[in-house]
Amino acid sequence: MRLTTAQQQAIKTESRAIFGDDAQVILFGSRTDDAARGGDVDVMIKTSSPVEQPSLKIARLSARVSRLMGGRKVDVILQSEGLARLQVHEIAERTGVPL
């Protein structure tokens, strides 16, 4: 995994501040590959509770984490009750690493 311990903790802290204490954070994509270089940060947030204003909260988390990582692009997807489950959610679960 190509995130420092401090970066992992910051992502978890910000995720739980926005989505609640039960939010699970999964890193997926190129950052899980130690042999890769560069790349954005892909994060899936899983919560069992419905999320009000999901798009706003996703954007807020993306912006906060991007700032913490020096402007690096951060993509956030959300898996929550009441939201459509897409193929990207399946990929994130299958290939991702829980933080």
PDB file of N, CA and C in Angstrom:
ATOM      1  N   MET A   1       0.838  -1.168   0.000  1.00  0.00           N
ATOM      2  CA  MET A   1       0.000   0.000   0.000  1.00  0.00           C
ATOM      3  C   MET A   1       0.887   1.236   0.000  1.00  0.00           C
ATOM      4  N   ARG A   2       0.559   2.159  -0.882  1.00  0.00           N
ATOM      5  CA  ARG A   2       1.387   3.357  -1.018  1.00  0.00           C
ATOM      6  C   ARG A   2       0.753   4.565  -0.321  1.00  0.00           C
ATOM      7  N   LEU A   3       0.471   4.383   0.961  1.00  0.00           N
ATOM      8  CA  LEU A   3       0.061   5.473   1.836  1.00  0.00           C
ATOM      9  C   LEU A   3       0.816   5.305   3.139  1.00  0.00           C
ATOM     10  N   THR A   4       1.236   6.406   3.711  1.00  0.00           N
ATOM     11  CA  THR A   4       1.900   6.324   5.012  1.00  0.00           C
ATOM     12  C   THR A   4       0.859   6.017   6.084  1.00  0.00           C
ATOM     13  N   THR A   5       1.335   5.611   7.244  1.00  0.00           N
ATOM     14  CA  THR A   5       0.441   5.363   8.364  1.00  0.00           C
ATOM     15  C   THR A   5      -0.319   6.635   8.724  1.00  0.00           C
ATOM     16  N   ALA A   6       0.355   7.763   8.697  1.00  0.00           N
ATOM     17  CA  ALA A   6      -0.291   9.047   9.002  1.00  0.00           C
ATOM     18  C   ALA A   6      -1.375   9.375   7.979  1.00  0.00           C
ATOM     19  N   GLN A   7      -1.120   9.119   6.698  1.00  0.00           N
ATOM     20  CA  GLN A   7      -2.125   9.363   5.661  1.00  0.00           C
ATOM     21  C   GLN A   7      -3.333   8.449   5.846  1.00  0.00           C
ATOM     22  N   GLN A   8      -3.082   7.186   6.159  1.00  0.00           N
ATOM     23  CA  GLN A   8      -4.176   6.246   6.397  1.00  0.00           C
ATOM     24  C   GLN A   8      -5.042   6.714   7.561  1.00  0.00           C
ATOM     25  N   GLN A   9      -4.395   7.117   8.650  1.00  0.00           N
ATOM     26  CA  GLN A   9      -5.140   7.574   9.822  1.00  0.00           C
ATOM     27  C   GLN A   9      -5.929   8.838   9.511  1.00  0.00           C
ATOM     28  N   ALA A  10      -5.338   9.752   8.761  1.00  0.00           N
ATOM     29  CA  ALA A  10      -6.029  10.995   8.402  1.00  0.00           C
ATOM     30  C   ALA A  10      -7.267  10.710   7.551  1.00  0.00           C
ATOM     31  N   ILE A  11      -7.149   9.781   6.615  1.00  0.00           N
ATOM     32  CA  ILE A  11      -8.294   9.419   5.777  1.00  0.00           C
ATOM     33  C   ILE A  11      -9.400   8.821   6.634  1.00  0.00           C
ATOM     34  N   LYS A  12      -9.042   7.930   7.557  1.00  0.00           N
ATOM     35  CA  LYS A  12     -10.051   7.338   8.440  1.00  0.00           C
ATOM     36  C   LYS A  12     -10.701   8.395   9.331  1.00  0.00           C
ATOM     37  N   THR A  13      -9.903   9.275   9.878  1.00  0.00           N
ATOM     38  CA  THR A  13     -10.427  10.317  10.765  1.00  0.00           C
ATOM     39  C   THR A  13     -11.399  11.223  10.028  1.00  0.00           C
ATOM     40  N   GLU A  14     -11.016  11.688   8.853  1.00  0.00           N
ATOM     41  CA  GLU A  14     -11.881  12.574   8.068  1.00  0.00           C
ATOM     42  C   GLU A  14     -13.141  11.849   7.608  1.00  0.00           C
ATOM     43  N   SER A  15     -13.006  10.589   7.232  1.00  0.00           N
ATOM     44  CA  SER A  15     -14.155   9.801   6.778  1.00  0.00           C
ATOM     45  C   SER A  15     -15.181   9.643   7.887  1.00  0.00           C
ATOM     46  N   ARG A  16     -14.707   9.347   9.069  1.00  0.00           N
ATOM     47  CA  ARG A  16     -15.626   9.151  10.198  1.00  0.00           C
ATOM     48  C   ARG A  16     -16.215  10.466  10.679  1.00  0.00           C
ATOM     49  N   ALA A  17     -15.482  11.546  10.533  1.00  0.00           N
ATOM     50  CA  ALA A  17     -16.014  12.860  10.901  1.00  0.00           C
ATOM     51  C   ALA A  17     -17.190  13.237   9.999  1.00  0.00           C
ATOM     52  N   ILE A  18     -17.133  12.838   8.746  1.00  0.00           N
ATOM     53  CA  ILE A  18     -18.174  13.191   7.776  1.00  0.00           C
ATOM     54  C   ILE A  18     -19.299  12.157   7.728  1.00  0.00           C
ATOM     55  N   PHE A  19     -18.948  10.868   7.747  1.00  0.00           N
ATOM     56  CA  PHE A  19     -19.941   9.811   7.547  1.00  0.00           C
ATOM     57  C   PHE A  19     -20.346   9.075   8.823  1.00  0.00           C
ATOM     58  N   GLY A  20     -19.734   9.382   9.938  1.00  0.00           N
ATOM     59  CA  GLY A  20     -20.085   8.743  11.202  1.00  0.00           C
ATOM     60  C   GLY A  20     -19.073   7.700  11.630  1.00  0.00           C
ATOM     61  N   ASP A  21     -19.145   7.365  12.914  1.00  0.00           N
ATOM     62  CA  ASP A  21     -18.167   6.450  13.511  1.00  0.00           C
ATOM     63  C   ASP A  21     -18.222   5.029  12.959  1.00  0.00           C
ATOM     64  N   ASP A  22     -19.346   4.643  12.364  1.00  0.00           N
ATOM     65  CA  ASP A  22     -19.439   3.286  11.827  1.00  0.00           C
ATOM     66  C   ASP A  22     -18.910   3.171  10.397  1.00  0.00           C
ATOM     67  N   ALA A  23     -18.440   4.266   9.841  1.00  0.00           N
ATOM     68  CA  ALA A  23     -17.953   4.249   8.457  1.00  0.00           C
ATOM     69  C   ALA A  23     -16.713   3.362   8.326  1.00  0.00           C
ATOM     70  N   GLN A  24     -16.770   2.460   7.361  1.00  0.00           N
ATOM     71  CA  GLN A  24     -15.612   1.633   7.021  1.00  0.00           C
ATOM     72  C   GLN A  24     -14.932   2.268   5.824  1.00  0.00           C
ATOM     73  N   VAL A  25     -13.610   2.277   5.821  1.00  0.00           N
ATOM     74  CA  VAL A  25     -12.849   2.925   4.761  1.00  0.00           C
ATOM     75  C   VAL A  25     -12.033   1.865   4.040  1.00  0.00           C
ATOM     76  N   ILE A  26     -12.188   1.800   2.715  1.00  0.00           N
ATOM     77  CA  ILE A  26     -11.464   0.824   1.897  1.00  0.00           C
ATOM     78  C   ILE A  26     -10.697   1.573   0.814  1.00  0.00           C
ATOM     79  N   LEU A  27      -9.402   1.350   0.770  1.00  0.00           N
ATOM     80  CA  LEU A  27      -8.553   1.898  -0.286  1.00  0.00           C
ATOM     81  C   LEU A  27      -8.527   0.897  -1.428  1.00  0.00           C
ATOM     82  N   PHE A  28      -8.710   1.362  -2.650  1.00  0.00           N
ATOM     83  CA  PHE A  28      -8.630   0.478  -3.807  1.00  0.00           C
ATOM     84  C   PHE A  28      -7.930   1.214  -4.941  1.00  0.00           C
ATOM     85  N   GLY A  29      -7.711   0.533  -6.030  1.00  0.00           N
ATOM     86  CA  GLY A  29      -7.043   1.163  -7.168  1.00  0.00           C
ATOM     87  C   GLY A  29      -5.528   1.065  -7.071  1.00  0.00           C
ATOM     88  N   SER A  30      -4.854   1.944  -7.801  1.00  0.00           N
ATOM     89  CA  SER A  30      -3.400   1.851  -7.952  1.00  0.00           C
ATOM     90  C   SER A  30      -2.632   2.030  -6.649  1.00  0.00           C
ATOM     91  N   ARG A  31      -3.194   2.718  -5.674  1.00  0.00           N
ATOM     92  CA  ARG A  31      -2.482   2.936  -4.406  1.00  0.00           C
ATOM     93  C   ARG A  31      -2.313   1.661  -3.586  1.00  0.00           C
ATOM     94  N   THR A  32      -3.027   0.610  -3.939  1.00  0.00           N
ATOM     95  CA  THR A  32      -2.852  -0.663  -3.240  1.00  0.00           C
ATOM     96  C   THR A  32      -1.700  -1.473  -3.825  1.00  0.00           C
ATOM     97  N   ASP A  33      -1.161  -1.031  -4.949  1.00  0.00           N
ATOM     98  CA  ASP A  33      -0.082  -1.731  -5.649  1.00  0.00           C
ATOM     99  C   ASP A  33       1.256  -1.081  -5.316  1.00  0.00           C
ATOM    100  N   ASP A  34       2.076  -1.775  -4.536  1.00  0.00           N
ATOM    101  CA  ASP A  34       3.375  -1.232  -4.131  1.00  0.00           C
ATOM    102  C   ASP A  34       4.319  -1.016  -5.307  1.00  0.00           C
ATOM    103  N   ALA A  35       4.100  -1.713  -6.414  1.00  0.00           N
ATOM    104  CA  ALA A  35       4.988  -1.591  -7.560  1.00  0.00           C
ATOM    105  C   ALA A  35       4.615  -0.421  -8.471  1.00  0.00           C
ATOM    106  N   ALA A  36       3.420   0.104  -8.320  1.00  0.00           N
ATOM    107  CA  ALA A  36       2.962   1.209  -9.173  1.00  0.00           C
ATOM    108  C   ALA A  36       3.584   2.523  -8.713  1.00  0.00           C
ATOM    109  N   ARG A  37       3.417   3.545  -9.553  1.00  0.00           N
ATOM    110  CA  ARG A  37       3.915   4.880  -9.215  1.00  0.00           C
ATOM    111  C   ARG A  37       2.811   5.888  -9.486  1.00  0.00           C
ATOM    112  N   GLY A  38       2.834   6.963  -8.699  1.00  0.00           N
ATOM    113  CA  GLY A  38       1.864   8.033  -8.928  1.00  0.00           C
ATOM    114  C   GLY A  38       0.451   7.565  -8.712  1.00  0.00           C
ATOM    115  N   GLY A  39      -0.464   8.242  -9.351  1.00  0.00           N
ATOM    116  CA  GLY A  39      -1.865   7.840  -9.294  1.00  0.00           C
ATOM    117  C   GLY A  39      -2.655   8.580  -8.241  1.00  0.00           C
ATOM    118  N   ASP A  40      -3.952   8.587  -8.461  1.00  0.00           N
ATOM    119  CA  ASP A  40      -4.840   9.242  -7.506  1.00  0.00           C
ATOM    120  C   ASP A  40      -5.114   8.297  -6.339  1.00  0.00           C
ATOM    121  N   VAL A  41      -5.908   8.758  -5.410  1.00  0.00           N
ATOM    122  CA  VAL A  41      -6.290   7.964  -4.254  1.00  0.00           C
ATOM    123  C   VAL A  41      -7.767   7.605  -4.426  1.00  0.00           C
ATOM    124  N   ASP A  42      -8.059   6.317  -4.438  1.00  0.00           N
ATOM    125  CA  ASP A  42      -9.428   5.824  -4.603  1.00  0.00           C
ATOM    126  C   ASP A  42      -9.894   5.225  -3.286  1.00  0.00           C
ATOM    127  N   VAL A  43     -10.995   5.763  -2.763  1.00  0.00           N
ATOM    128  CA  VAL A  43     -11.500   5.338  -1.464  1.00  0.00           C
ATOM    129  C   VAL A  43     -12.982   5.006  -1.575  1.00  0.00           C
ATOM    130  N   MET A  44     -13.367   3.886  -0.952  1.00  0.00           N
ATOM    131  CA  MET A  44     -14.783   3.575  -0.817  1.00  0.00           C
ATOM    132  C   MET A  44     -15.145   3.663   0.658  1.00  0.00           C
ATOM    133  N   ILE A  45     -16.226   4.376   0.928  1.00  0.00           N
ATOM    134  CA  ILE A  45     -16.769   4.470   2.270  1.00  0.00           C
ATOM    135  C   ILE A  45     -17.992   3.566   2.320  1.00  0.00           C
ATOM    136  N   LYS A  46     -18.040   2.692   3.328  1.00  0.00           N
ATOM    137  CA  LYS A  46     -19.191   1.823   3.527  1.00  0.00           C
ATOM    138  C   LYS A  46     -19.832   2.186   4.854  1.00  0.00           C
ATOM    139  N   THR A  47     -21.129   2.373   4.824  1.00  0.00           N
ATOM    140  CA  THR A  47     -21.874   2.637   6.041  1.00  0.00           C
ATOM    141  C   THR A  47     -23.216   1.929   5.970  1.00  0.00           C
ATOM    142  N   SER A  48     -23.677   1.437   7.103  1.00  0.00           N
ATOM    143  CA  SER A  48     -24.952   0.726   7.122  1.00  0.00           C
ATOM    144  C   SER A  48     -26.130   1.680   7.261  1.00  0.00           C
ATOM    145  N   SER A  49     -25.851   2.912   7.620  1.00  0.00           N
ATOM    146  CA  SER A  49     -26.910   3.914   7.801  1.00  0.00           C
ATOM    147  C   SER A  49     -27.135   4.687   6.512  1.00  0.00           C
ATOM    148  N   PRO A  50     -28.364   5.138   6.283  1.00  0.00           N
ATOM    149  CA  PRO A  50     -28.593   6.023   5.138  1.00  0.00           C
ATOM    150  C   PRO A  50     -27.799   7.322   5.324  1.00  0.00           C
ATOM    151  N   VAL A  51     -27.352   7.897   4.229  1.00  0.00           N
ATOM    152  CA  VAL A  51     -26.557   9.126   4.276  1.00  0.00           C
ATOM    153  C   VAL A  51     -27.360  10.252   3.636  1.00  0.00           C
ATOM    154  N   GLU A  52     -27.570  11.306   4.389  1.00  0.00           N
ATOM    155  CA  GLU A  52     -28.230  12.485   3.841  1.00  0.00           C
ATOM    156  C   GLU A  52     -27.211  13.288   3.046  1.00  0.00           C
ATOM    157  N   GLN A  53     -27.625  13.824   1.941  1.00  0.00           N
ATOM    158  CA  GLN A  53     -26.772  14.625   1.053  1.00  0.00           C
ATOM    159  C   GLN A  53     -25.463  13.891   0.712  1.00  0.00           C
ATOM    160  N   PRO A  54     -25.570  12.696   0.146  1.00  0.00           N
ATOM    161  CA  PRO A  54     -24.365  11.912  -0.128  1.00  0.00           C
ATOM    162  C   PRO A  54     -23.374  12.606  -1.062  1.00  0.00           C
ATOM    163  N   SER A  55     -23.851  13.280  -2.091  1.00  0.00           N
ATOM    164  CA  SER A  55     -22.926  13.936  -3.032  1.00  0.00           C
ATOM    165  C   SER A  55     -22.114  15.025  -2.343  1.00  0.00           C
ATOM    166  N   LEU A  56     -22.758  15.800  -1.491  1.00  0.00           N
ATOM    167  CA  LEU A  56     -22.070  16.854  -0.754  1.00  0.00           C
ATOM    168  C   LEU A  56     -21.017  16.267   0.182  1.00  0.00           C
ATOM    169  N   LYS A  57     -21.362  15.189   0.854  1.00  0.00           N
ATOM    170  CA  LYS A  57     -20.418  14.575   1.791  1.00  0.00           C
ATOM    171  C   LYS A  57     -19.250  13.926   1.064  1.00  0.00           C
ATOM    172  N   ILE A  58     -19.516  13.322  -0.084  1.00  0.00           N
ATOM    173  CA  ILE A  58     -18.438  12.740  -0.892  1.00  0.00           C
ATOM    174  C   ILE A  58     -17.479  13.837  -1.342  1.00  0.00           C
ATOM    175  N   ALA A  59     -18.018  14.935  -1.831  1.00  0.00           N
ATOM    176  CA  ALA A  59     -17.179  16.055  -2.284  1.00  0.00           C
ATOM    177  C   ALA A  59     -16.375  16.639  -1.127  1.00  0.00           C
ATOM    178  N   ARG A  60     -16.996  16.760   0.025  1.00  0.00           N
ATOM    179  CA  ARG A  60     -16.308  17.298   1.200  1.00  0.00           C
ATOM    180  C   ARG A  60     -15.132  16.404   1.596  1.00  0.00           C
ATOM    181  N   LEU A  61     -15.357  15.087   1.628  1.00  0.00           N
ATOM    182  CA  LEU A  61     -14.275  14.169   1.984  1.00  0.00           C
ATOM    183  C   LEU A  61     -13.158  14.226   0.950  1.00  0.00           C
ATOM    184  N   SER A  62     -13.520  14.225  -0.312  1.00  0.00           N
ATOM    185  CA  SER A  62     -12.519  14.294  -1.371  1.00  0.00           C
ATOM    186  C   SER A  62     -11.649  15.540  -1.228  1.00  0.00           C
ATOM    187  N   ALA A  63     -12.268  16.676  -0.972  1.00  0.00           N
ATOM    188  CA  ALA A  63     -11.519  17.932  -0.829  1.00  0.00           C
ATOM    189  C   ALA A  63     -10.619  17.910   0.394  1.00  0.00           C
ATOM    190  N   ARG A  64     -11.124  17.418   1.513  1.00  0.00           N
ATOM    191  CA  ARG A  64     -10.314  17.380   2.740  1.00  0.00           C
ATOM    192  C   ARG A  64      -9.100  16.483   2.590  1.00  0.00           C
ATOM    193  N   VAL A  65      -9.310  15.300   2.046  1.00  0.00           N
ATOM    194  CA  VAL A  65      -8.198  14.364   1.887  1.00  0.00           C
ATOM    195  C   VAL A  65      -7.209  14.896   0.852  1.00  0.00           C
ATOM    196  N   SER A  66      -7.704  15.495  -0.213  1.00  0.00           N
ATOM    197  CA  SER A  66      -6.823  16.078  -1.224  1.00  0.00           C
ATOM    198  C   SER A  66      -5.912  17.139  -0.601  1.00  0.00           C
ATOM    199  N   ARG A  67      -6.475  17.986   0.225  1.00  0.00           N
ATOM    200  CA  ARG A  67      -5.656  19.010   0.907  1.00  0.00           C
ATOM    201  C   ARG A  67      -4.598  18.364   1.788  1.00  0.00           C
ATOM    202  N   LEU A  68      -4.985  17.326   2.516  1.00  0.00           N
ATOM    203  CA  LEU A  68      -4.041  16.637   3.397  1.00  0.00           C
ATOM    204  C   LEU A  68      -2.903  15.974   2.623  1.00  0.00           C
ATOM    205  N   MET A  69      -3.168  15.649   1.356  1.00  0.00           N
ATOM    206  CA  MET A  69      -2.181  14.950   0.546  1.00  0.00           C
ATOM    207  C   MET A  69      -1.554  15.856  -0.507  1.00  0.00           C
ATOM    208  N   GLY A  70      -1.505  17.140  -0.209  1.00  0.00           N
ATOM    209  CA  GLY A  70      -0.797  18.072  -1.082  1.00  0.00           C
ATOM    210  C   GLY A  70      -1.456  18.296  -2.427  1.00  0.00           C
ATOM    211  N   GLY A  71      -2.759  18.178  -2.506  1.00  0.00           N
ATOM    212  CA  GLY A  71      -3.463  18.440  -3.757  1.00  0.00           C
ATOM    213  C   GLY A  71      -3.654  17.234  -4.649  1.00  0.00           C
ATOM    214  N   ARG A  72      -3.238  16.061  -4.190  1.00  0.00           N
ATOM    215  CA  ARG A  72      -3.419  14.846  -4.995  1.00  0.00           C
ATOM    216  C   ARG A  72      -4.909  14.605  -5.215  1.00  0.00           C
ATOM    217  N   LYS A  73      -5.258  14.116  -6.396  1.00  0.00           N
ATOM    218  CA  LYS A  73      -6.657  13.829  -6.736  1.00  0.00           C
ATOM    219  C   LYS A  73      -7.154  12.666  -5.880  1.00  0.00           C
ATOM    220  N   VAL A  74      -8.338  12.825  -5.327  1.00  0.00           N
ATOM    221  CA  VAL A  74      -8.941  11.808  -4.476  1.00  0.00           C
ATOM    222  C   VAL A  74     -10.346  11.509  -4.988  1.00  0.00           C
ATOM    223  N   ASP A  75     -10.589  10.246  -5.321  1.00  0.00           N
ATOM    224  CA  ASP A  75     -11.907   9.794  -5.763  1.00  0.00           C
ATOM    225  C   ASP A  75     -12.559   9.027  -4.620  1.00  0.00           C
ATOM    226  N   VAL A  76     -13.797   9.375  -4.324  1.00  0.00           N
ATOM    227  CA  VAL A  76     -14.527   8.739  -3.235  1.00  0.00           C
ATOM    228  C   VAL A  76     -15.821   8.155  -3.796  1.00  0.00           C
ATOM    229  N   ILE A  77     -16.081   6.894  -3.450  1.00  0.00           N
ATOM    230  CA  ILE A  77     -17.373   6.291  -3.748  1.00  0.00           C
ATOM    231  C   ILE A  77     -18.009   5.897  -2.420  1.00  0.00           C
ATOM    232  N   LEU A  78     -19.321   5.795  -2.422  1.00  0.00           N
ATOM    233  CA  LEU A  78     -20.058   5.519  -1.198  1.00  0.00           C
ATOM    234  C   LEU A  78     -20.971   4.326  -1.394  1.00  0.00           C
ATOM    235  N   GLN A  79     -20.921   3.411  -0.441  1.00  0.00           N
ATOM    236  CA  GLN A  79     -21.851   2.288  -0.409  1.00  0.00           C
ATOM    237  C   GLN A  79     -22.676   2.455   0.864  1.00  0.00           C
ATOM    238  N   SER A  80     -23.963   2.692   0.683  1.00  0.00           N
ATOM    239  CA  SER A  80     -24.837   2.978   1.815  1.00  0.00           C
ATOM    240  C   SER A  80     -26.250   2.520   1.500  1.00  0.00           C
ATOM    241  N   GLU A  81     -27.029   2.349   2.533  1.00  0.00           N
ATOM    242  CA  GLU A  81     -28.429   1.976   2.360  1.00  0.00           C
ATOM    243  C   GLU A  81     -29.152   3.016   1.516  1.00  0.00           C
ATOM    244  N   GLY A  82     -29.900   2.537   0.538  1.00  0.00           N
ATOM    245  CA  GLY A  82     -30.678   3.430  -0.304  1.00  0.00           C
ATOM    246  C   GLY A  82     -29.955   3.929  -1.547  1.00  0.00           C
ATOM    247  N   LEU A  83     -28.674   3.609  -1.688  1.00  0.00           N
ATOM    248  CA  LEU A  83     -27.922   4.026  -2.879  1.00  0.00           C
ATOM    249  C   LEU A  83     -27.709   2.827  -3.796  1.00  0.00           C
ATOM    250  N   ALA A  84     -27.667   3.085  -5.089  1.00  0.00           N
ATOM    251  CA  ALA A  84     -27.448   2.018  -6.064  1.00  0.00           C
ATOM    252  C   ALA A  84     -26.076   1.383  -5.859  1.00  0.00           C
ATOM    253  N   ARG A  85     -26.030   0.083  -6.034  1.00  0.00           N
ATOM    254  CA  ARG A  85     -24.759  -0.641  -5.964  1.00  0.00           C
ATOM    255  C   ARG A  85     -24.278  -0.853  -7.401  1.00  0.00           C
ATOM    256  N   LEU A  86     -23.095  -0.354  -7.681  1.00  0.00           N
ATOM    257  CA  LEU A  86     -22.547  -0.393  -9.032  1.00  0.00           C
ATOM    258  C   LEU A  86     -21.373  -1.362  -9.112  1.00  0.00           C
ATOM    259  N   GLN A  87     -20.918  -1.608 -10.321  1.00  0.00           N
ATOM    260  CA  GLN A  87     -19.791  -2.521 -10.524  1.00  0.00           C
ATOM    261  C   GLN A  87     -18.538  -2.022  -9.813  1.00  0.00           C
ATOM    262  N   VAL A  88     -18.341  -0.705  -9.741  1.00  0.00           N
ATOM    263  CA  VAL A  88     -17.160  -0.171  -9.067  1.00  0.00           C
ATOM    264  C   VAL A  88     -17.157  -0.539  -7.584  1.00  0.00           C
ATOM    265  N   HIS A  89     -18.327  -0.663  -6.970  1.00  0.00           N
ATOM    266  CA  HIS A  89     -18.407  -1.101  -5.582  1.00  0.00           C
ATOM    267  C   HIS A  89     -17.914  -2.544  -5.441  1.00  0.00           C
ATOM    268  N   GLU A  90     -18.296  -3.389  -6.395  1.00  0.00           N
ATOM    269  CA  GLU A  90     -17.858  -4.779  -6.397  1.00  0.00           C
ATOM    270  C   GLU A  90     -16.335  -4.866  -6.534  1.00  0.00           C
ATOM    271  N   ILE A  91     -15.788  -4.075  -7.437  1.00  0.00           N
ATOM    272  CA  ILE A  91     -14.336  -4.059  -7.656  1.00  0.00           C
ATOM    273  C   ILE A  91     -13.612  -3.593  -6.405  1.00  0.00           C
ATOM    274  N   ALA A  92     -14.111  -2.529  -5.788  1.00  0.00           N
ATOM    275  CA  ALA A  92     -13.487  -1.995  -4.580  1.00  0.00           C
ATOM    276  C   ALA A  92     -13.503  -3.023  -3.458  1.00  0.00           C
ATOM    277  N   GLU A  93     -14.601  -3.727  -3.294  1.00  0.00           N
ATOM    278  CA  GLU A  93     -14.677  -4.755  -2.256  1.00  0.00           C
ATOM    279  C   GLU A  93     -13.753  -5.924  -2.537  1.00  0.00           C
ATOM    280  N   ARG A  94     -13.676  -6.317  -3.787  1.00  0.00           N
ATOM    281  CA  ARG A  94     -12.871  -7.490  -4.166  1.00  0.00           C
ATOM    282  C   ARG A  94     -11.375  -7.202  -4.098  1.00  0.00           C
ATOM    283  N   THR A  95     -10.974  -6.002  -4.498  1.00  0.00           N
ATOM    284  CA  THR A  95      -9.539  -5.698  -4.627  1.00  0.00           C
ATOM    285  C   THR A  95      -9.007  -4.747  -3.560  1.00  0.00           C
ATOM    286  N   GLY A  96      -9.913  -4.141  -2.789  1.00  0.00           N
ATOM    287  CA  GLY A  96      -9.516  -3.098  -1.861  1.00  0.00           C
ATOM    288  C   GLY A  96      -8.896  -3.607  -0.583  1.00  0.00           C
ATOM    289  N   VAL A  97      -8.300  -2.643   0.143  1.00  0.00           N
ATOM    290  CA  VAL A  97      -7.637  -2.905   1.414  1.00  0.00           C
ATOM    291  C   VAL A  97      -8.304  -2.028   2.470  1.00  0.00           C
ATOM    292  N   PRO A  98      -8.876  -2.639   3.514  1.00  0.00           N
ATOM    293  CA  PRO A  98      -9.470  -1.827   4.573  1.00  0.00           C
ATOM    294  C   PRO A  98      -8.406  -0.999   5.291  1.00  0.00           C
ATOM    295  N   LEU A  99      -8.753   0.230   5.608  1.00  0.00           N
ATOM    296  CA  LEU A  99      -7.834   1.084   6.370  1.00  0.00           C
ATOM    297  C   LEU A  99      -8.225   1.014   7.842  1.00  0.00           C
TER     298      LEU A  99
END
